[in-house]
Amino acid sequence: MNKIPLTVNGAEKLRTELHRLKTVDRPAVIAAIAEARAHGDLSENAEYDAAKERQGFIEGRIREVEGKLSNAQIIDPKLLDADGKVVFGATVDLEDQDSGEQVTYQVVGEDEADIKAGMISVGSPMARALIGKFAGDVAQVQAPGGQREFEILDVRYE
């Protein structure tokens, strides 16, 4: 399996989720299954079916998160020395050439991406357009509404 790039924060969030799944969610669903079993006939027991379905989801997510963490390539943006180039983990200040609007994005792994928090996936069209560029460069991004241009104002490794 290929290495999955994650920032230090992203890896910590996955570890926290895994801990919660194993120590809170898994025991809770086991208790719900036991309670539903106590109600008798399992063939017509919707609570039992729902609890078993939830258990399957939790166990699947545990396997998924463990797999991602075991294949993670954890990158600490603070330790990067990319000479001002946009790379994975970099925080980039941009200005939309049409509207003049300024935005800030950090290039992160798929699991960490949250556009509202300013975190874009390394595989997104925006990140692909930015990777390898420097402050002062203009990145052309193919957006759903057509081609857009963003000037890179600053690149930081935080």
Protein backbone atom coordinates (compact mmCIF):
# COMPACT_ATOMS: atom_id res chain seq x y z
CA MET A 1 0.00 0.00 0.00
CA ASN A 2 1.23 3.51 -0.74
CA LYS A 3 2.29 5.89 1.96
CA ILE A 4 -0.45 8.33 3.00
CA PRO A 5 0.83 11.85 3.64
CA LEU A 6 -0.45 13.38 6.88
CA THR A 7 0.50 16.43 8.86
CA VAL A 8 1.34 15.99 12.53
CA ASN A 9 -2.07 17.46 13.45
CA GLY A 10 -3.87 15.13 11.03
CA ALA A 11 -2.15 12.06 12.47
CA GLU A 12 -3.04 13.18 15.99
CA LYS A 13 -6.71 13.61 15.00
CA LEU A 14 -6.75 10.08 13.58
CA ARG A 15 -5.15 8.70 16.75
CA THR A 16 -7.77 10.53 18.85
CA GLU A 17 -10.58 9.15 16.69
CA LEU A 18 -9.16 5.62 16.95
CA HIS A 19 -8.94 5.91 20.74
CA ARG A 20 -12.56 7.12 20.94
CA LEU A 21 -13.77 4.34 18.65
CA LYS A 22 -12.06 1.67 20.77
CA THR A 23 -12.76 3.04 24.24
CA VAL A 24 -16.17 4.72 23.88
CA ASP A 25 -18.04 3.72 20.72
CA ARG A 26 -17.15 0.00 20.66
CA PRO A 27 -18.12 -0.65 24.32
CA ALA A 28 -21.33 1.36 23.87
CA VAL A 29 -22.45 -0.66 20.85
CA ILE A 30 -21.58 -3.93 22.61
CA ALA A 31 -23.78 -2.84 25.53
CA ALA A 32 -26.58 -1.89 23.10
CA ILE A 33 -26.38 -5.34 21.47
CA ALA A 34 -26.52 -7.06 24.87
CA GLU A 35 -29.53 -4.99 25.87
CA ALA A 36 -31.33 -5.71 22.59
CA ARG A 37 -30.63 -9.45 23.00
CA ALA A 38 -32.22 -9.33 26.43
CA HIS A 39 -35.48 -8.24 24.82
CA GLY A 40 -35.98 -11.67 23.30
CA ASP A 41 -36.75 -12.66 19.69
CA LEU A 42 -33.91 -11.33 17.52
CA SER A 43 -35.70 -11.93 14.22
CA GLU A 44 -38.05 -8.98 14.77
CA ASN A 45 -35.80 -6.84 16.94
CA ALA A 46 -35.05 -3.52 15.20
CA GLU A 47 -32.84 -2.34 18.08
CA TYR A 48 -30.65 -5.43 17.67
CA ASP A 49 -30.39 -4.95 13.89
CA ALA A 50 -29.49 -1.27 14.29
CA ALA A 51 -26.87 -2.04 16.96
CA LYS A 52 -25.30 -4.79 14.81
CA GLU A 53 -25.19 -2.42 11.83
CA ARG A 54 -23.55 0.27 13.98
CA GLN A 55 -21.05 -2.30 15.25
CA GLY A 56 -20.12 -3.20 11.68
CA PHE A 57 -19.58 0.47 10.87
CA ILE A 58 -17.40 1.03 13.97
CA GLU A 59 -15.26 -2.06 13.34
CA GLY A 60 -14.82 -1.06 9.70
CA ARG A 61 -13.78 2.46 10.67
CA ILE A 62 -11.31 1.10 13.25
CA ARG A 63 -9.68 -1.05 10.53
CA GLU A 64 -9.62 1.90 8.14
CA VAL A 65 -8.02 4.32 10.64
CA GLU A 66 -5.47 1.70 11.79
CA GLY A 67 -4.54 1.08 8.15
CA LYS A 68 -4.10 4.78 7.45
CA LEU A 69 -1.96 5.30 10.53
CA SER A 70 0.21 2.27 9.75
CA ASN A 71 0.81 3.60 6.22
CA ALA A 72 1.12 7.25 7.22
CA GLN A 73 4.03 9.39 6.20
CA ILE A 74 3.82 12.06 8.90
CA ILE A 75 5.17 15.42 7.79
CA ASP A 76 5.76 18.28 10.20
CA PRO A 77 5.39 21.54 8.24
CA LYS A 78 7.54 23.37 10.83
CA LEU A 79 10.51 21.21 9.88
CA LEU A 80 10.19 21.80 6.13
CA ASP A 81 12.81 23.83 4.33
CA ALA A 82 11.41 24.13 0.83
CA ASP A 83 12.89 27.58 0.10
CA GLY A 84 9.49 29.22 -0.27
CA LYS A 85 8.08 26.58 -2.61
CA VAL A 86 4.51 25.32 -2.11
CA VAL A 87 4.78 21.72 -0.87
CA PHE A 88 2.66 19.36 1.22
CA GLY A 89 1.99 20.97 4.61
CA ALA A 90 2.66 24.53 3.42
CA THR A 91 0.26 27.35 4.27
CA VAL A 92 -0.36 29.61 1.30
CA ASP A 93 -1.86 33.11 1.15
CA LEU A 94 -3.59 33.72 -2.18
CA GLU A 95 -5.35 36.55 -3.95
CA ASP A 96 -8.06 35.84 -6.51
CA GLN A 97 -7.03 37.81 -9.61
CA ASP A 98 -10.66 38.50 -10.61
CA SER A 99 -12.26 39.48 -7.31
CA GLY A 100 -9.22 40.60 -5.30
CA GLU A 101 -10.42 38.34 -2.45
CA GLN A 102 -7.62 36.96 -0.27
CA VAL A 103 -7.72 33.43 1.10
CA THR A 104 -5.35 31.22 3.06
CA TYR A 105 -5.08 27.46 2.58
CA GLN A 106 -2.90 24.74 4.03
CA VAL A 107 -2.12 21.77 1.77
CA VAL A 108 -2.95 18.63 3.79
CA GLY A 109 -3.79 14.94 3.37
CA GLU A 110 -7.17 13.74 2.15
CA ASP A 111 -8.40 12.82 5.64
CA GLU A 112 -7.54 16.24 7.02
CA ALA A 113 -9.13 18.34 4.27
CA ASP A 114 -11.73 20.83 5.50
CA ILE A 115 -12.30 23.75 3.16
CA LYS A 116 -14.14 25.75 5.84
CA ALA A 117 -11.05 25.51 8.04
CA GLY A 118 -8.79 26.49 5.13
CA MET A 119 -7.33 23.00 4.68
CA ILE A 120 -7.27 21.64 1.12
CA SER A 121 -6.46 18.08 0.07
CA VAL A 122 -3.13 17.58 -1.68
CA GLY A 123 -5.11 15.89 -4.47
CA SER A 124 -7.53 18.78 -5.01
CA PRO A 125 -7.34 20.85 -8.21
CA MET A 126 -6.34 23.92 -6.16
CA ALA A 127 -3.48 22.13 -4.39
CA ARG A 128 -2.26 20.53 -7.61
CA ALA A 129 -2.13 23.98 -9.21
CA LEU A 130 -0.18 25.41 -6.25
CA ILE A 131 2.39 22.64 -5.64
CA GLY A 132 5.84 23.66 -6.83
CA LYS A 133 5.07 27.37 -7.18
CA PHE A 134 6.59 30.26 -5.21
CA ALA A 135 5.35 33.57 -3.78
CA GLY A 136 4.70 35.96 -6.67
CA ASP A 137 3.69 33.15 -9.06
CA VAL A 138 0.17 32.92 -10.48
CA ALA A 139 -1.59 29.57 -10.26
CA GLN A 140 -4.30 28.72 -12.78
CA VAL A 141 -7.02 26.53 -11.30
CA GLN A 142 -9.70 24.75 -13.30
CA ALA A 143 -12.77 25.37 -11.13
CA PRO A 144 -16.35 24.23 -11.77
CA GLY A 145 -17.18 27.78 -12.90
CA GLY A 146 -14.25 27.95 -15.29
CA GLN A 147 -10.56 28.82 -15.10
CA ARG A 148 -9.50 31.05 -12.19
CA GLU A 149 -6.16 32.62 -11.41
CA PHE A 150 -4.68 33.12 -7.97
CA GLU A 151 -1.53 35.04 -7.14
CA ILE A 152 0.55 33.45 -4.42
CA LEU A 153 1.23 36.18 -1.86
CA ASP A 154 3.11 34.18 0.76
CA VAL A 155 4.19 30.61 1.54
CA ARG A 156 4.71 29.58 5.17
CA TYR A 157 5.58 26.34 6.95
CA GLU A 158 3.71 26.42 10.27
